[in-house]
Amino acid sequence: MAFSLKGVAYITGAGSGIGQYAAYSMARQGVRSFALLDRNPVTQTVQHLKKTYPDVKIKEIEMDVGNEAAVNDSVEQTVKEFGRLDYALNNAGIGGALDTTDKIEKEDFERVMNVNMMGVWLCQRAQIRQMLKQAKWSDSYRAYRGSIVNTASMYGKVGPTLPATAYCTSKHAVVGLSKADAIQMGPRGIKINALCPGYVLTPLVQSTMNKGSVMDDERAKVPIQRFASMEEIGDIVAFLHSDASSYIVGSSLVADGGFTIA
């Protein structure tokens, strides 16, 4: 079915990568009200949206997702600006050191967990609290009070081939959090899912390709012999927020080109 998105979107990590392209995809499907959040400026995302969709309204918020007060305030600001919060993408995350457990320092492990796991939990908690206060966005049986998508990873489903212990642990936690809250919040009208992408051609990954890097070896393991474009993953986010995915609840949707089945 064709689908459109008409509500208010809240996206962390919106300054680049998946967050940026999710905003573009959601705008193509009709969203015109955005809260865009990042620790870094979201200038490029904002400029593209405003140039392509002159009627778009954007609330820019600089935020560390590990800061509880800042997260709660960001949701309050979004609702004050737009009246409600319909679609949330909890996407901010870091890779961390490529070390095994015997080598990684405690503070480095905690830093990854604070952003990738605790940051998602803080955002999701604030979003749920708001969504429970608002009515469904339509009278359709497909409608919800709100939809939340958490960016996990294919390494939230399987163990990594690289020594990314902290990252893998954090993304497994995101999958578990998404499932647990989906069970409790589904009956209350909030749809929650996790997205588990494989390798994506972000600017950082692109800069290392064809230089004999480990990324070239990883690409060779993908059955379709390429990494995902940022646009492809952004489109999946839009789909998961749409009525077309109304019966997808608590999933950890894998989009990895077949990497984890090879």
C-alpha atoms as a PDB file:
ATOM      1  CA  MET A   1       0.000   0.000   0.000  1.00  0.00           C
ATOM      2  CA  ALA A   2       1.043   3.580  -0.513  1.00  0.00           C
ATOM      3  CA  PHE A   3       1.487   5.518   2.696  1.00  0.00           C
ATOM      4  CA  SER A   4       1.880   9.052   3.967  1.00  0.00           C
ATOM      5  CA  LEU A   5       3.091  10.555   7.233  1.00  0.00           C
ATOM      6  CA  LYS A   6       1.355  13.635   8.570  1.00  0.00           C
ATOM      7  CA  GLY A   7       2.509  14.126  12.151  1.00  0.00           C
ATOM      8  CA  VAL A   8       5.425  15.502  14.161  1.00  0.00           C
ATOM      9  CA  ALA A   9       8.828  13.788  13.977  1.00  0.00           C
ATOM     10  CA  TYR A  10      11.561  13.777  16.632  1.00  0.00           C
ATOM     11  CA  ILE A  11      14.965  12.499  15.455  1.00  0.00           C
ATOM     12  CA  THR A  12      18.204  12.176  17.413  1.00  0.00           C
ATOM     13  CA  GLY A  13      21.500  12.012  15.564  1.00  0.00           C
ATOM     14  CA  ALA A  14      19.825  14.089  12.867  1.00  0.00           C
ATOM     15  CA  GLY A  15      22.902  15.960  11.713  1.00  0.00           C
ATOM     16  CA  SER A  16      24.275  13.186   9.508  1.00  0.00           C
ATOM     17  CA  GLY A  17      23.970   9.580   8.421  1.00  0.00           C
ATOM     18  CA  ILE A  18      20.824   7.567   9.093  1.00  0.00           C
ATOM     19  CA  GLY A  19      19.171  10.318  11.125  1.00  0.00           C
ATOM     20  CA  GLN A  20      19.665  12.832   8.358  1.00  0.00           C
ATOM     21  CA  TYR A  21      18.319  10.574   5.625  1.00  0.00           C
ATOM     22  CA  ALA A  22      15.424   9.396   7.774  1.00  0.00           C
ATOM     23  CA  ALA A  23      14.370  13.047   8.008  1.00  0.00           C
ATOM     24  CA  TYR A  24      14.568  13.364   4.233  1.00  0.00           C
ATOM     25  CA  SER A  25      12.526  10.213   3.696  1.00  0.00           C
ATOM     26  CA  MET A  26       9.883  11.184   6.225  1.00  0.00           C
ATOM     27  CA  ALA A  27       9.593  14.593   4.601  1.00  0.00           C
ATOM     28  CA  ARG A  28       9.046  12.927   1.219  1.00  0.00           C
ATOM     29  CA  GLN A  29       6.172  11.016   2.801  1.00  0.00           C
ATOM     30  CA  GLY A  30       4.567  14.179   4.134  1.00  0.00           C
ATOM     31  CA  VAL A  31       6.049  15.145   7.509  1.00  0.00           C
ATOM     32  CA  ARG A  32       6.389  18.916   7.805  1.00  0.00           C
ATOM     33  CA  SER A  33       7.126  19.343  11.520  1.00  0.00           C
ATOM     34  CA  PHE A  34      10.514  18.182  12.806  1.00  0.00           C
ATOM     35  CA  ALA A  35      12.468  18.323  16.034  1.00  0.00           C
ATOM     36  CA  LEU A  36      16.035  17.608  14.912  1.00  0.00           C
ATOM     37  CA  LEU A  37      18.505  16.786  17.669  1.00  0.00           C
ATOM     38  CA  ASP A  38      22.249  16.223  17.677  1.00  0.00           C
ATOM     39  CA  ARG A  39      25.346  17.049  19.694  1.00  0.00           C
ATOM     40  CA  ASN A  40      26.638  18.719  16.532  1.00  0.00           C
ATOM     41  CA  PRO A  41      24.957  21.276  14.261  1.00  0.00           C
ATOM     42  CA  VAL A  42      22.142  19.954  12.055  1.00  0.00           C
ATOM     43  CA  THR A  43      22.748  22.711   9.510  1.00  0.00           C
ATOM     44  CA  GLN A  44      23.024  20.518   6.412  1.00  0.00           C
ATOM     45  CA  THR A  45      19.857  18.598   7.255  1.00  0.00           C
ATOM     46  CA  VAL A  46      17.908  21.798   7.924  1.00  0.00           C
ATOM     47  CA  GLN A  47      19.119  23.508   4.743  1.00  0.00           C
ATOM     48  CA  HIS A  48      18.142  20.558   2.563  1.00  0.00           C
ATOM     49  CA  LEU A  49      14.702  20.218   4.129  1.00  0.00           C
ATOM     50  CA  LYS A  50      13.931  23.930   3.877  1.00  0.00           C
ATOM     51  CA  LYS A  51      15.130  24.126   0.285  1.00  0.00           C
ATOM     52  CA  THR A  52      13.137  21.069  -0.808  1.00  0.00           C
ATOM     53  CA  TYR A  53      10.038  21.671   1.317  1.00  0.00           C
ATOM     54  CA  PRO A  54       9.505  25.410   1.862  1.00  0.00           C
ATOM     55  CA  ASP A  55       6.582  24.790   4.228  1.00  0.00           C
ATOM     56  CA  VAL A  56       8.598  22.648   6.630  1.00  0.00           C
ATOM     57  CA  LYS A  57       8.867  23.709  10.301  1.00  0.00           C
ATOM     58  CA  ILE A  58      11.968  22.700  12.230  1.00  0.00           C
ATOM     59  CA  LYS A  59      12.976  22.876  15.871  1.00  0.00           C
ATOM     60  CA  GLU A  60      16.752  22.520  16.187  1.00  0.00           C
ATOM     61  CA  ILE A  61      17.998  21.207  19.538  1.00  0.00           C
ATOM     62  CA  GLU A  62      21.603  20.612  20.550  1.00  0.00           C
ATOM     63  CA  MET A  63      21.568  17.740  23.005  1.00  0.00           C
ATOM     64  CA  ASP A  64      23.547  14.958  24.634  1.00  0.00           C
ATOM     65  CA  VAL A  65      21.197  11.959  24.790  1.00  0.00           C
ATOM     66  CA  GLY A  66      22.876  10.815  27.995  1.00  0.00           C
ATOM     67  CA  ASN A  67      21.687  13.941  29.828  1.00  0.00           C
ATOM     68  CA  GLU A  68      18.364  13.100  31.491  1.00  0.00           C
ATOM     69  CA  ALA A  69      17.258  16.690  32.082  1.00  0.00           C
ATOM     70  CA  ALA A  70      18.138  17.697  28.519  1.00  0.00           C
ATOM     71  CA  VAL A  71      16.217  14.757  27.061  1.00  0.00           C
ATOM     72  CA  ASN A  72      13.091  15.515  29.069  1.00  0.00           C
ATOM     73  CA  ASP A  73      13.335  19.193  28.157  1.00  0.00           C
ATOM     74  CA  SER A  74      13.728  18.379  24.456  1.00  0.00           C
ATOM     75  CA  VAL A  75      10.441  16.482  24.380  1.00  0.00           C
ATOM     76  CA  GLU A  76       8.738  19.323  26.251  1.00  0.00           C
ATOM     77  CA  GLN A  77      10.141  21.810  23.726  1.00  0.00           C
ATOM     78  CA  THR A  78       8.898  19.674  20.838  1.00  0.00           C
ATOM     79  CA  VAL A  79       5.374  19.491  22.210  1.00  0.00           C
ATOM     80  CA  LYS A  80       5.362  23.203  23.055  1.00  0.00           C
ATOM     81  CA  GLU A  81       6.373  23.972  19.472  1.00  0.00           C
ATOM     82  CA  PHE A  82       4.166  21.505  17.586  1.00  0.00           C
ATOM     83  CA  GLY A  83       1.476  20.334  20.006  1.00  0.00           C
ATOM     84  CA  ARG A  84       2.333  16.621  20.043  1.00  0.00           C
ATOM     85  CA  LEU A  85       4.945  13.992  19.132  1.00  0.00           C
ATOM     86  CA  ASP A  86       3.961  11.305  16.621  1.00  0.00           C
ATOM     87  CA  TYR A  87       7.157   9.722  15.282  1.00  0.00           C
ATOM     88  CA  ALA A  88      10.398   9.261  17.206  1.00  0.00           C
ATOM     89  CA  LEU A  89      13.676   7.927  15.852  1.00  0.00           C
ATOM     90  CA  ASN A  90      16.218   7.276  18.597  1.00  0.00           C
ATOM     91  CA  ASN A  91      19.243   7.110  16.380  1.00  0.00           C
ATOM     92  CA  ALA A  92      22.147   8.830  18.157  1.00  0.00           C
ATOM     93  CA  GLY A  93      24.981   6.414  18.767  1.00  0.00           C
ATOM     94  CA  ILE A  94      28.735   5.854  18.741  1.00  0.00           C
ATOM     95  CA  GLY A  95      30.952   2.980  17.684  1.00  0.00           C
ATOM     96  CA  GLY A  96      33.504   3.058  20.470  1.00  0.00           C
ATOM     97  CA  ALA A  97      36.867   1.387  20.568  1.00  0.00           C
ATOM     98  CA  LEU A  98      37.459  -1.791  18.588  1.00  0.00           C
ATOM     99  CA  ASP A  99      38.710  -3.802  21.543  1.00  0.00           C
ATOM    100  CA  THR A 100      38.000  -7.130  23.169  1.00  0.00           C
ATOM    101  CA  THR A 101      36.910  -7.270  26.807  1.00  0.00           C
ATOM    102  CA  ASP A 102      40.418  -8.006  28.091  1.00  0.00           C
ATOM    103  CA  LYS A 103      41.702  -4.787  26.532  1.00  0.00           C
ATOM    104  CA  ILE A 104      38.896  -2.241  26.773  1.00  0.00           C
ATOM    105  CA  GLU A 105      38.931   0.236  29.649  1.00  0.00           C
ATOM    106  CA  LYS A 106      35.923   0.520  31.940  1.00  0.00           C
ATOM    107  CA  GLU A 107      35.332   4.188  31.084  1.00  0.00           C
ATOM    108  CA  ASP A 108      35.378   3.433  27.349  1.00  0.00           C
ATOM    109  CA  PHE A 109      32.813   0.645  27.771  1.00  0.00           C
ATOM    110  CA  GLU A 110      30.617   2.881  29.918  1.00  0.00           C
ATOM    111  CA  ARG A 111      30.781   5.711  27.374  1.00  0.00           C
ATOM    112  CA  VAL A 112      29.386   3.478  24.625  1.00  0.00           C
ATOM    113  CA  MET A 113      26.662   2.124  26.896  1.00  0.00           C
ATOM    114  CA  ASN A 114      25.712   5.613  28.084  1.00  0.00           C
ATOM    115  CA  VAL A 115      25.084   6.870  24.553  1.00  0.00           C
ATOM    116  CA  ASN A 116      23.857   3.753  22.759  1.00  0.00           C
ATOM    117  CA  MET A 117      21.750   2.189  25.502  1.00  0.00           C
ATOM    118  CA  MET A 118      21.045   4.682  28.285  1.00  0.00           C
ATOM    119  CA  GLY A 119      20.508   7.482  25.762  1.00  0.00           C
ATOM    120  CA  VAL A 120      17.904   5.432  23.900  1.00  0.00           C
ATOM    121  CA  TRP A 121      16.176   4.501  27.160  1.00  0.00           C
ATOM    122  CA  LEU A 122      16.039   8.113  28.362  1.00  0.00           C
ATOM    123  CA  CYS A 123      14.629   9.296  25.032  1.00  0.00           C
ATOM    124  CA  GLN A 124      12.116   6.470  24.810  1.00  0.00           C
ATOM    125  CA  ARG A 125      10.932   7.033  28.364  1.00  0.00           C
ATOM    126  CA  ALA A 126      10.289  10.733  27.713  1.00  0.00           C
ATOM    127  CA  GLN A 127       8.566   9.960  24.418  1.00  0.00           C
ATOM    128  CA  ILE A 128       6.320   7.300  25.945  1.00  0.00           C
ATOM    129  CA  ARG A 129       5.280   9.653  28.733  1.00  0.00           C
ATOM    130  CA  GLN A 130       4.221  12.232  26.160  1.00  0.00           C
ATOM    131  CA  MET A 131       2.542   9.798  23.783  1.00  0.00           C
ATOM    132  CA  LEU A 132       0.411   8.378  26.575  1.00  0.00           C
ATOM    133  CA  LYS A 133      -1.058  11.851  27.062  1.00  0.00           C
ATOM    134  CA  GLN A 134      -2.205  12.278  23.469  1.00  0.00           C
ATOM    135  CA  ALA A 135      -4.968  10.762  21.361  1.00  0.00           C
ATOM    136  CA  LYS A 136      -4.381   8.491  18.378  1.00  0.00           C
ATOM    137  CA  TRP A 137      -3.645  10.402  15.191  1.00  0.00           C
ATOM    138  CA  SER A 138      -6.791   9.077  13.468  1.00  0.00           C
ATOM    139  CA  ASP A 139      -9.827   6.839  14.052  1.00  0.00           C
ATOM    140  CA  SER A 140      -8.344   4.064  11.898  1.00  0.00           C
ATOM    141  CA  TYR A 141      -7.730   0.679  13.507  1.00  0.00           C
ATOM    142  CA  ARG A 142      -4.183   1.028  12.151  1.00  0.00           C
ATOM    143  CA  ALA A 143      -3.537   4.220  14.128  1.00  0.00           C
ATOM    144  CA  TYR A 144      -1.438   4.669  17.258  1.00  0.00           C
ATOM    145  CA  ARG A 145      -0.837   7.377  19.843  1.00  0.00           C
ATOM    146  CA  GLY A 146       2.733   7.402  18.583  1.00  0.00           C
ATOM    147  CA  SER A 147       5.438   5.349  16.917  1.00  0.00           C
ATOM    148  CA  ILE A 148       9.007   4.850  18.135  1.00  0.00           C
ATOM    149  CA  VAL A 149      11.902   3.370  16.152  1.00  0.00           C
ATOM    150  CA  ASN A 150      15.207   2.655  17.883  1.00  0.00           C
ATOM    151  CA  THR A 151      18.345   2.283  15.779  1.00  0.00           C
ATOM    152  CA  ALA A 152      20.078  -0.912  16.858  1.00  0.00           C
ATOM    153  CA  SER A 153      22.325  -2.889  14.502  1.00  0.00           C
ATOM    154  CA  MET A 154      22.683  -6.286  12.911  1.00  0.00           C
ATOM    155  CA  TYR A 155      25.183  -6.680  15.768  1.00  0.00           C
ATOM    156  CA  GLY A 156      22.215  -6.408  18.092  1.00  0.00           C
ATOM    157  CA  LYS A 157      21.182  -9.800  16.694  1.00  0.00           C
ATOM    158  CA  VAL A 158      24.481 -11.623  16.208  1.00  0.00           C
ATOM    159  CA  GLY A 159      28.037 -11.403  17.455  1.00  0.00           C
ATOM    160  CA  PRO A 160      30.417  -9.114  15.554  1.00  0.00           C
ATOM    161  CA  THR A 161      33.181 -10.344  13.318  1.00  0.00           C
ATOM    162  CA  LEU A 162      35.179  -7.344  14.545  1.00  0.00           C
ATOM    163  CA  PRO A 163      36.254  -6.887  18.195  1.00  0.00           C
ATOM    164  CA  ALA A 164      33.411  -4.466  18.906  1.00  0.00           C
ATOM    165  CA  THR A 165      32.395  -5.813  22.316  1.00  0.00           C
ATOM    166  CA  ALA A 166      30.953  -2.605  23.788  1.00  0.00           C
ATOM    167  CA  TYR A 167      29.072  -1.700  20.621  1.00  0.00           C
ATOM    168  CA  CYS A 168      27.584  -5.180  20.252  1.00  0.00           C
ATOM    169  CA  THR A 169      26.513  -5.266  23.890  1.00  0.00           C
ATOM    170  CA  SER A 170      24.824  -1.874  23.631  1.00  0.00           C
ATOM    171  CA  LYS A 171      22.912  -2.800  20.492  1.00  0.00           C
ATOM    172  CA  HIS A 172      21.677  -6.078  21.978  1.00  0.00           C
ATOM    173  CA  ALA A 173      20.385  -3.954  24.845  1.00  0.00           C
ATOM    174  CA  VAL A 174      18.518  -1.679  22.420  1.00  0.00           C
ATOM    175  CA  VAL A 175      16.808  -4.696  20.860  1.00  0.00           C
ATOM    176  CA  GLY A 176      15.806  -5.990  24.299  1.00  0.00           C
ATOM    177  CA  LEU A 177      14.536  -2.594  25.411  1.00  0.00           C
ATOM    178  CA  SER A 178      12.460  -2.247  22.253  1.00  0.00           C
ATOM    179  CA  LYS A 179      10.872  -5.672  22.714  1.00  0.00           C
ATOM    180  CA  ALA A 180      10.133  -5.203  26.411  1.00  0.00           C
ATOM    181  CA  ASP A 181       8.515  -1.789  26.009  1.00  0.00           C
ATOM    182  CA  ALA A 182       6.634  -2.854  22.874  1.00  0.00           C
ATOM    183  CA  ILE A 183       4.858  -5.566  24.875  1.00  0.00           C
ATOM    184  CA  GLN A 184       3.811  -3.125  27.572  1.00  0.00           C
ATOM    185  CA  MET A 185       3.013  -0.130  25.366  1.00  0.00           C
ATOM    186  CA  GLY A 186       1.326  -1.845  22.409  1.00  0.00           C
ATOM    187  CA  PRO A 187      -1.958  -2.301  24.285  1.00  0.00           C
ATOM    188  CA  ARG A 188      -1.763   1.355  25.321  1.00  0.00           C
ATOM    189  CA  GLY A 189      -1.503   2.580  21.749  1.00  0.00           C
ATOM    190  CA  ILE A 190       2.229   3.080  21.222  1.00  0.00           C
ATOM    191  CA  LYS A 191       4.100   1.160  18.515  1.00  0.00           C
ATOM    192  CA  ILE A 192       7.775   0.437  19.184  1.00  0.00           C
ATOM    193  CA  ASN A 193      10.261  -1.287  16.893  1.00  0.00           C
ATOM    194  CA  ALA A 194      14.021  -1.625  16.540  1.00  0.00           C
ATOM    195  CA  LEU A 195      15.872  -1.241  13.246  1.00  0.00           C
ATOM    196  CA  CYS A 196      18.953  -3.430  12.790  1.00  0.00           C
ATOM    197  CA  PRO A 197      20.929  -2.168   9.803  1.00  0.00           C
ATOM    198  CA  GLY A 198      24.090  -3.723   8.511  1.00  0.00           C
ATOM    199  CA  TYR A 199      26.939  -1.620   7.208  1.00  0.00           C
ATOM    200  CA  VAL A 200      25.752   1.676   5.757  1.00  0.00           C
ATOM    201  CA  LEU A 201      27.659   3.969   3.398  1.00  0.00           C
ATOM    202  CA  THR A 202      27.993   6.876   5.780  1.00  0.00           C
ATOM    203  CA  PRO A 203      30.677   9.474   4.966  1.00  0.00           C
ATOM    204  CA  LEU A 204      33.054   7.800   7.434  1.00  0.00           C
ATOM    205  CA  VAL A 205      32.670   4.356   5.844  1.00  0.00           C
ATOM    206  CA  GLN A 206      32.945   5.792   2.334  1.00  0.00           C
ATOM    207  CA  SER A 207      36.230   7.489   3.199  1.00  0.00           C
ATOM    208  CA  THR A 208      37.797   4.138   4.113  1.00  0.00           C
ATOM    209  CA  MET A 209      36.595   2.089   1.164  1.00  0.00           C
ATOM    210  CA  ASN A 210      39.031   0.896  -1.521  1.00  0.00           C
ATOM    211  CA  LYS A 211      42.011   1.630   0.698  1.00  0.00           C
ATOM    212  CA  GLY A 212      42.670  -1.904   1.794  1.00  0.00           C
ATOM    213  CA  SER A 213      40.723  -1.300   4.981  1.00  0.00           C
ATOM    214  CA  VAL A 214      38.784  -3.812   7.058  1.00  0.00           C
ATOM    215  CA  MET A 215      35.613  -2.372   5.519  1.00  0.00           C
ATOM    216  CA  ASP A 216      36.563  -3.867   2.174  1.00  0.00           C
ATOM    217  CA  ASP A 217      36.809  -7.280   3.823  1.00  0.00           C
ATOM    218  CA  GLU A 218      33.432  -6.778   5.501  1.00  0.00           C
ATOM    219  CA  ARG A 219      31.779  -5.777   2.221  1.00  0.00           C
ATOM    220  CA  ALA A 220      32.957  -9.038   0.649  1.00  0.00           C
ATOM    221  CA  LYS A 221      30.896 -10.911   3.281  1.00  0.00           C
ATOM    222  CA  VAL A 222      27.626  -9.279   2.184  1.00  0.00           C
ATOM    223  CA  PRO A 223      25.767 -11.610  -0.223  1.00  0.00           C
ATOM    224  CA  ILE A 224      24.653  -8.737  -2.454  1.00  0.00           C
ATOM    225  CA  GLN A 225      28.227  -7.406  -2.460  1.00  0.00           C
ATOM    226  CA  ARG A 226      27.508  -3.856  -1.350  1.00  0.00           C
ATOM    227  CA  PHE A 227      26.687  -1.792   1.712  1.00  0.00           C
ATOM    228  CA  ALA A 228      23.383   0.025   2.190  1.00  0.00           C
ATOM    229  CA  SER A 229      22.900   3.589   1.084  1.00  0.00           C
ATOM    230  CA  MET A 230      21.766   6.021   3.760  1.00  0.00           C
ATOM    231  CA  GLU A 231      18.617   6.640   1.730  1.00  0.00           C
ATOM    232  CA  GLU A 232      17.676   2.944   1.836  1.00  0.00           C
ATOM    233  CA  ILE A 233      17.820   2.865   5.621  1.00  0.00           C
ATOM    234  CA  GLY A 234      15.983   6.184   5.878  1.00  0.00           C
ATOM    235  CA  ASP A 235      13.167   4.736   3.788  1.00  0.00           C
ATOM    236  CA  ILE A 236      12.841   1.813   6.192  1.00  0.00           C
ATOM    237  CA  VAL A 237      12.450   4.225   9.098  1.00  0.00           C
ATOM    238  CA  ALA A 238       9.622   5.979   7.267  1.00  0.00           C
ATOM    239  CA  PHE A 239       7.976   2.621   6.555  1.00  0.00           C
ATOM    240  CA  LEU A 240       8.172   1.533  10.199  1.00  0.00           C
ATOM    241  CA  HIS A 241       6.426   4.742  11.248  1.00  0.00           C
ATOM    242  CA  SER A 242       3.684   4.386   8.644  1.00  0.00           C
ATOM    243  CA  ASP A 243       0.276   2.723   8.564  1.00  0.00           C
ATOM    244  CA  ALA A 244       1.788   0.225   6.114  1.00  0.00           C
ATOM    245  CA  SER A 245       3.629  -1.331   9.068  1.00  0.00           C
ATOM    246  CA  SER A 246       0.741  -1.085  11.523  1.00  0.00           C
ATOM    247  CA  TYR A 247       0.962  -4.776  12.466  1.00  0.00           C
ATOM    248  CA  ILE A 248       4.735  -4.716  12.972  1.00  0.00           C
ATOM    249  CA  VAL A 249       5.192  -4.338  16.727  1.00  0.00           C
ATOM    250  CA  GLY A 250       8.283  -5.151  18.799  1.00  0.00           C
ATOM    251  CA  SER A 251      10.249  -6.277  15.774  1.00  0.00           C
ATOM    252  CA  SER A 252      13.992  -6.015  15.306  1.00  0.00           C
ATOM    253  CA  LEU A 253      13.927  -5.498  11.568  1.00  0.00           C
ATOM    254  CA  VAL A 254      17.205  -6.536   9.946  1.00  0.00           C
ATOM    255  CA  ALA A 255      18.379  -4.670   6.843  1.00  0.00           C
ATOM    256  CA  ASP A 256      21.871  -5.982   6.151  1.00  0.00           C
ATOM    257  CA  GLY A 257      21.952  -7.223   2.555  1.00  0.00           C
ATOM    258  CA  GLY A 258      21.993 -10.787   3.867  1.00  0.00           C
ATOM    259  CA  PHE A 259      25.146 -10.409   5.993  1.00  0.00           C
ATOM    260  CA  THR A 260      23.740 -12.243   9.015  1.00  0.00           C
ATOM    261  CA  ILE A 261      22.354 -15.177   7.027  1.00  0.00           C
ATOM    262  CA  ALA A 262      25.462 -15.903   4.990  1.00  0.00           C
END
